[in-house]
C-alpha cells in the first residue's frame, strides 16, 4: 500500500526546496519508487498547471548495463517549469541548481501502447530542439544519491527545462556538435554527444510509461538524455548550441 504521508512529505520538500529525506527503507525497489513518484506528481501538479512531459535518465550504455532492467528511468516535467530560451532565474529559484544540455523532443501525436520503436514513434514527433534540463538536487545526501529508487521517488530531481526556438523534424544526430558555454567560456564541445539516439529515447519513455498505464501526449516534451555529466551552477549564463537544432540560453542570479 502506498505511503501517502511519505508522498506528501516528498512533494512538500520538493516545492519548499528542502533537502530530501533518506527514504531507502521506505522505497526499497523501483515499483515502489514509481508508484511514489506518480503520487508525488499528482500533488505537485495541483500548483504547477499539470504535466508538460517527461525526462529520461540513466540512458547511456554504461548506466543501462549497470542498472538493468531498471534503466533507463523517467521523471515528470511540470507545465510551470517549462521555460523559453533567454529566461533569467532569480536568486533563490533553486537550492542547488544542476544543469544538463539535452535534445528536447516535442510530441506531435499521442503515442499509445507498449512495444514502441524508433520507426513507430518518429512520425509522431513534431520536432527536436536544443535545450537544458534544470534540476534541483536540494543538497541531497550521498546516501540518497547512491540509492536509485530514492532518486526516482524524488522525480530524479527535475525542476523543468529551457527550450530553444529552433526546431528540426528530420535530423542527422550523428552530425550534431554540442557546444556549451558558461559565462562565455567553452566547457563542452563534442560530436554526437547524446547518450542514445533521441528517437530511441522517446520510444523508451513511451514504453516505460505504457508499462505503468501512462501515455505520451501531443505537446509533451521529452528530455532525451544529457550530453555531459550534470554540473552544479551557483550563478551565471549558460548557452548551448546544437547545429541545425539552434541554441538555448538562460541565466541564474
Protein backbone atom coordinates (compact mmCIF):
# COMPACT_ATOMS: atom_id res chain seq x y z
CA UNK A 1 0.00 0.00 0.00
CA UNK A 2 1.29 3.45 -0.94
CA UNK A 3 2.57 5.53 1.95
CA UNK A 4 0.52 8.68 1.40
CA UNK A 5 2.25 10.55 4.19
CA UNK A 6 5.61 9.94 2.56
CA UNK A 7 4.30 11.14 -0.83
CA UNK A 8 3.05 14.34 0.78
CA UNK A 9 6.37 14.83 2.57
CA UNK A 10 8.39 14.35 -0.64
CA UNK A 11 6.11 16.74 -2.55
CA UNK A 12 6.35 19.34 0.21
CA UNK A 13 10.13 19.13 0.31
CA UNK A 14 10.38 19.48 -3.46
CA UNK A 15 8.09 22.52 -3.51
CA UNK A 16 9.76 24.13 -0.49
CA UNK A 17 13.28 23.40 -1.82
CA UNK A 18 14.14 21.46 1.32
CA UNK A 19 16.78 18.72 1.31
CA UNK A 20 15.23 15.31 0.57
CA UNK A 21 14.97 12.74 3.32
CA UNK A 22 16.84 9.45 3.17
CA UNK A 23 13.99 7.09 2.32
CA UNK A 24 15.70 3.87 1.20
CA UNK A 25 13.98 1.87 3.93
CA UNK A 26 10.57 3.11 2.71
CA UNK A 27 11.25 2.90 -1.05
CA UNK A 28 13.14 -0.39 -1.41
CA UNK A 29 12.52 -1.08 -5.11
CA UNK A 30 11.62 0.55 -8.42
CA UNK A 31 7.95 -0.47 -8.40
CA UNK A 32 7.52 1.34 -5.09
CA UNK A 33 9.62 4.23 -6.38
CA UNK A 34 7.46 4.81 -9.47
CA UNK A 35 4.24 4.49 -7.51
CA UNK A 36 5.63 7.11 -5.13
CA UNK A 37 6.81 9.37 -7.97
CA UNK A 38 3.36 9.33 -9.60
CA UNK A 39 1.68 10.11 -6.26
CA UNK A 40 4.12 12.97 -5.70
CA UNK A 41 3.48 14.28 -9.24
CA UNK A 42 -0.28 14.31 -8.63
CA UNK A 43 0.27 16.51 -5.59
CA UNK A 44 2.77 18.85 -7.24
CA UNK A 45 0.80 19.36 -10.44
CA UNK A 46 -2.07 20.88 -8.47
CA UNK A 47 0.08 24.01 -8.22
CA UNK A 48 2.11 23.77 -11.44
CA UNK A 49 -0.51 23.66 -14.19
CA UNK A 50 -0.23 19.96 -14.98
CA UNK A 51 2.25 17.62 -16.68
CA UNK A 52 4.30 19.04 -19.56
CA UNK A 53 6.28 15.91 -20.40
CA UNK A 54 8.99 13.61 -19.14
CA UNK A 55 12.73 13.29 -18.71
CA UNK A 56 14.81 10.21 -19.35
CA UNK A 57 17.71 9.34 -17.08
CA UNK A 58 20.48 6.75 -16.96
CA UNK A 59 20.26 6.07 -20.68
CA UNK A 60 23.87 5.77 -21.73
CA UNK A 61 25.22 2.28 -22.38
CA UNK A 62 27.19 2.03 -19.13
CA UNK A 63 24.24 3.10 -16.97
CA UNK A 64 21.85 0.75 -18.74
CA UNK A 65 24.25 -2.14 -18.19
CA UNK A 66 24.78 -1.24 -14.54
CA UNK A 67 21.12 -0.67 -13.60
CA UNK A 68 19.34 -3.09 -15.96
CA UNK A 69 16.45 -3.84 -16.02
CA UNK A 70 15.63 -0.58 -14.21
CA UNK A 71 17.42 1.78 -16.57
CA UNK A 72 16.63 3.98 -18.31
CA UNK A 73 14.29 5.73 -15.86
CA UNK A 74 11.75 8.52 -16.31
CA UNK A 75 10.59 11.55 -14.33
CA UNK A 76 7.87 14.17 -14.74
CA UNK A 77 8.18 17.72 -16.12
CA UNK A 78 5.57 20.25 -14.96
CA UNK A 79 3.94 23.00 -17.04
CA UNK A 80 5.05 25.94 -14.93
CA UNK A 81 8.67 24.80 -15.16
CA UNK A 82 8.92 24.89 -18.96
CA UNK A 83 10.92 28.00 -19.86
CA UNK A 84 11.84 29.56 -23.19
CA UNK A 85 15.42 30.36 -24.15
CA UNK A 86 16.59 33.63 -22.65
CA UNK A 87 14.88 33.18 -19.29
CA UNK A 88 16.58 34.62 -16.22
CA UNK A 89 16.02 32.74 -12.98
CA UNK A 90 16.18 34.96 -9.88
CA UNK A 91 18.48 34.14 -6.99
CA UNK A 92 16.82 31.56 -4.78
CA UNK A 93 14.88 29.81 -7.55
CA UNK A 94 16.86 26.67 -6.75
CA UNK A 95 18.52 25.35 -3.63
CA UNK A 96 21.20 23.51 -5.64
CA UNK A 97 20.91 24.04 -9.39
CA UNK A 98 22.34 21.30 -11.58
CA UNK A 99 22.30 21.57 -15.37
CA UNK A 100 22.36 19.16 -18.31
CA UNK A 101 22.42 20.12 -22.02
CA UNK A 102 19.95 17.93 -23.87
CA UNK A 103 17.96 17.48 -27.06
CA UNK A 104 14.26 18.06 -26.40
CA UNK A 105 11.66 16.21 -28.47
CA UNK A 106 8.17 17.66 -28.77
CA UNK A 107 5.45 15.08 -29.36
CA UNK A 108 3.09 15.76 -32.25
CA UNK A 109 0.55 12.95 -31.75
CA UNK A 110 -0.33 10.74 -28.79
CA UNK A 111 1.83 7.62 -28.53
CA UNK A 112 -0.27 4.71 -27.27
CA UNK A 113 0.79 1.26 -26.20
CA UNK A 114 3.99 -0.63 -25.50
CA UNK A 115 6.43 -2.11 -27.98
CA UNK A 116 7.30 1.28 -29.48
CA UNK A 117 10.40 1.53 -31.68
CA UNK A 118 12.25 4.32 -33.44
CA UNK A 119 10.24 3.54 -36.56
CA UNK A 120 6.85 3.72 -34.84
CA UNK A 121 7.45 6.93 -32.88
CA UNK A 122 9.37 9.03 -35.40
CA UNK A 123 6.23 10.03 -37.41
CA UNK A 124 4.58 11.06 -34.12
CA UNK A 125 7.31 13.54 -33.11
CA UNK A 126 6.69 17.15 -34.13
CA UNK A 127 10.34 18.17 -33.88
CA UNK A 128 13.55 18.45 -31.89
CA UNK A 129 15.05 21.45 -30.07
CA UNK A 130 18.27 22.33 -28.29
CA UNK A 131 17.84 22.93 -24.60
CA UNK A 132 18.77 22.33 -21.00
CA UNK A 133 17.33 20.24 -18.24
CA UNK A 134 17.37 22.17 -14.98
CA UNK A 135 17.43 20.16 -11.77
CA UNK A 136 17.43 20.99 -8.11
CA UNK A 137 19.33 18.38 -6.15
CA UNK A 138 18.49 20.24 -2.95
CA UNK A 139 21.73 19.14 -1.28
CA UNK A 140 20.67 15.51 -1.25
CA UNK A 141 22.80 13.28 0.94
CA UNK A 142 25.38 10.91 -0.52
CA UNK A 143 23.25 8.06 0.87
CA UNK A 144 20.24 9.11 -1.20
CA UNK A 145 22.34 9.78 -4.30
CA UNK A 146 23.60 6.19 -4.25
CA UNK A 147 20.09 4.68 -3.99
CA UNK A 148 18.39 4.81 -7.42
CA UNK A 149 14.83 4.05 -6.20
CA UNK A 150 15.03 7.03 -3.84
CA UNK A 151 16.13 9.21 -6.75
CA UNK A 152 13.19 8.01 -8.85
CA UNK A 153 10.77 8.68 -5.99
CA UNK A 154 12.15 12.24 -5.86
CA UNK A 155 11.31 12.69 -9.56
CA UNK A 156 15.01 12.39 -10.45
CA UNK A 157 15.39 15.98 -9.23
CA UNK A 158 13.82 17.50 -12.34
CA UNK A 159 12.95 21.18 -11.98
CA UNK A 160 11.96 21.91 -15.56
CA UNK A 161 13.68 22.74 -18.81
CA UNK A 162 14.80 25.59 -21.04
CA UNK A 163 13.90 25.08 -24.70
CA UNK A 164 15.29 26.83 -27.76
CA UNK A 165 13.16 28.26 -30.55
CA UNK A 166 14.74 26.42 -33.46
CA UNK A 167 13.10 23.17 -34.46
CA UNK A 168 14.09 20.42 -36.85
CA UNK A 169 11.85 17.49 -37.74
CA UNK A 170 14.46 15.38 -39.54
CA UNK A 171 17.94 15.35 -38.08
CA UNK A 172 21.20 13.50 -38.67
CA UNK A 173 22.00 13.34 -34.97
CA UNK A 174 25.46 11.88 -35.63
CA UNK A 175 26.38 15.21 -37.23
CA UNK A 176 25.21 17.36 -34.29
CA UNK A 177 28.02 19.13 -32.48
CA UNK A 178 27.08 20.17 -28.95
CA UNK A 179 28.87 23.26 -27.67
CA UNK A 180 28.24 24.62 -24.17
CA UNK A 181 29.48 27.94 -22.80
CA UNK A 182 29.27 29.20 -19.23
CA UNK A 183 29.73 32.95 -18.91
CA UNK A 184 31.32 32.92 -22.36
CA UNK A 185 33.84 30.18 -21.54
CA UNK A 186 33.56 26.95 -23.50
CA UNK A 187 33.07 23.94 -21.24
CA UNK A 188 31.98 21.33 -23.79
CA UNK A 189 32.48 20.68 -27.49
CA UNK A 190 31.50 17.20 -28.63
CA UNK A 191 30.11 15.48 -31.71
CA UNK A 192 27.18 13.07 -31.44
CA UNK A 193 27.14 13.52 -27.66
CA UNK A 194 23.60 12.23 -27.00
CA UNK A 195 23.69 9.14 -24.74
CA UNK A 196 21.37 7.29 -27.14
CA UNK A 197 19.55 8.18 -30.34
CA UNK A 198 16.89 10.77 -29.35
CA UNK A 199 14.16 8.93 -31.25
CA UNK A 200 15.01 5.77 -29.33
CA UNK A 201 14.88 7.82 -26.14
CA UNK A 202 11.32 8.87 -26.99
CA UNK A 203 10.35 5.26 -27.74
CA UNK A 204 11.90 4.16 -24.45
CA UNK A 205 9.97 6.78 -22.48
CA UNK A 206 6.74 5.77 -24.22
CA UNK A 207 7.33 2.11 -23.34
CA UNK A 208 8.16 2.84 -19.69
CA UNK A 209 5.01 4.94 -19.40
CA UNK A 210 2.87 2.31 -21.14
CA UNK A 211 4.06 -0.31 -18.66
CA UNK A 212 2.57 1.85 -15.92
CA UNK A 213 -0.62 2.81 -17.73
CA UNK A 214 0.57 6.23 -18.93
CA UNK A 215 0.70 7.79 -22.41
CA UNK A 216 2.93 10.33 -24.13
CA UNK A 217 0.52 13.05 -25.26
CA UNK A 218 0.65 15.51 -28.15
CA UNK A 219 2.53 18.58 -26.94
CA UNK A 220 4.53 16.69 -24.33
CA UNK A 221 8.22 17.50 -24.19
CA UNK A 222 10.79 14.76 -23.71
CA UNK A 223 14.29 15.44 -22.41
CA UNK A 224 16.31 12.85 -24.33
CA UNK A 225 19.38 12.50 -22.10
CA UNK A 226 22.33 14.59 -21.09
CA UNK A 227 25.29 15.30 -23.38
CA UNK A 228 27.68 15.73 -20.45
CA UNK A 229 27.72 14.90 -16.74
CA UNK A 230 25.40 17.17 -14.75
CA UNK A 231 27.15 20.13 -13.17
CA UNK A 232 26.20 22.47 -10.34
CA UNK A 233 25.73 26.16 -11.22
CA UNK A 234 25.76 28.79 -8.48
CA UNK A 235 25.21 31.70 -10.86
CA UNK A 236 25.93 32.83 -14.40
CA UNK A 237 24.80 32.41 -18.00
CA UNK A 238 24.65 29.06 -19.79
CA UNK A 239 24.37 28.68 -23.55
CA UNK A 240 24.19 25.55 -25.69
CA UNK A 241 24.33 25.30 -29.48
CA UNK A 242 23.47 22.14 -31.41
CA UNK A 243 23.93 22.71 -35.13
CA UNK A 244 20.63 22.68 -37.02
CA UNK A 245 18.77 22.50 -33.72
CA UNK A 246 19.91 26.02 -32.92
CA UNK A 247 20.64 27.18 -29.43
CA UNK A 248 19.22 27.80 -25.96
CA UNK A 249 20.36 30.08 -23.17
CA UNK A 250 19.46 31.02 -19.62
CA UNK A 251 20.88 33.00 -16.72
CA UNK A 252 20.75 32.37 -12.98
CA UNK A 253 21.26 35.00 -10.36
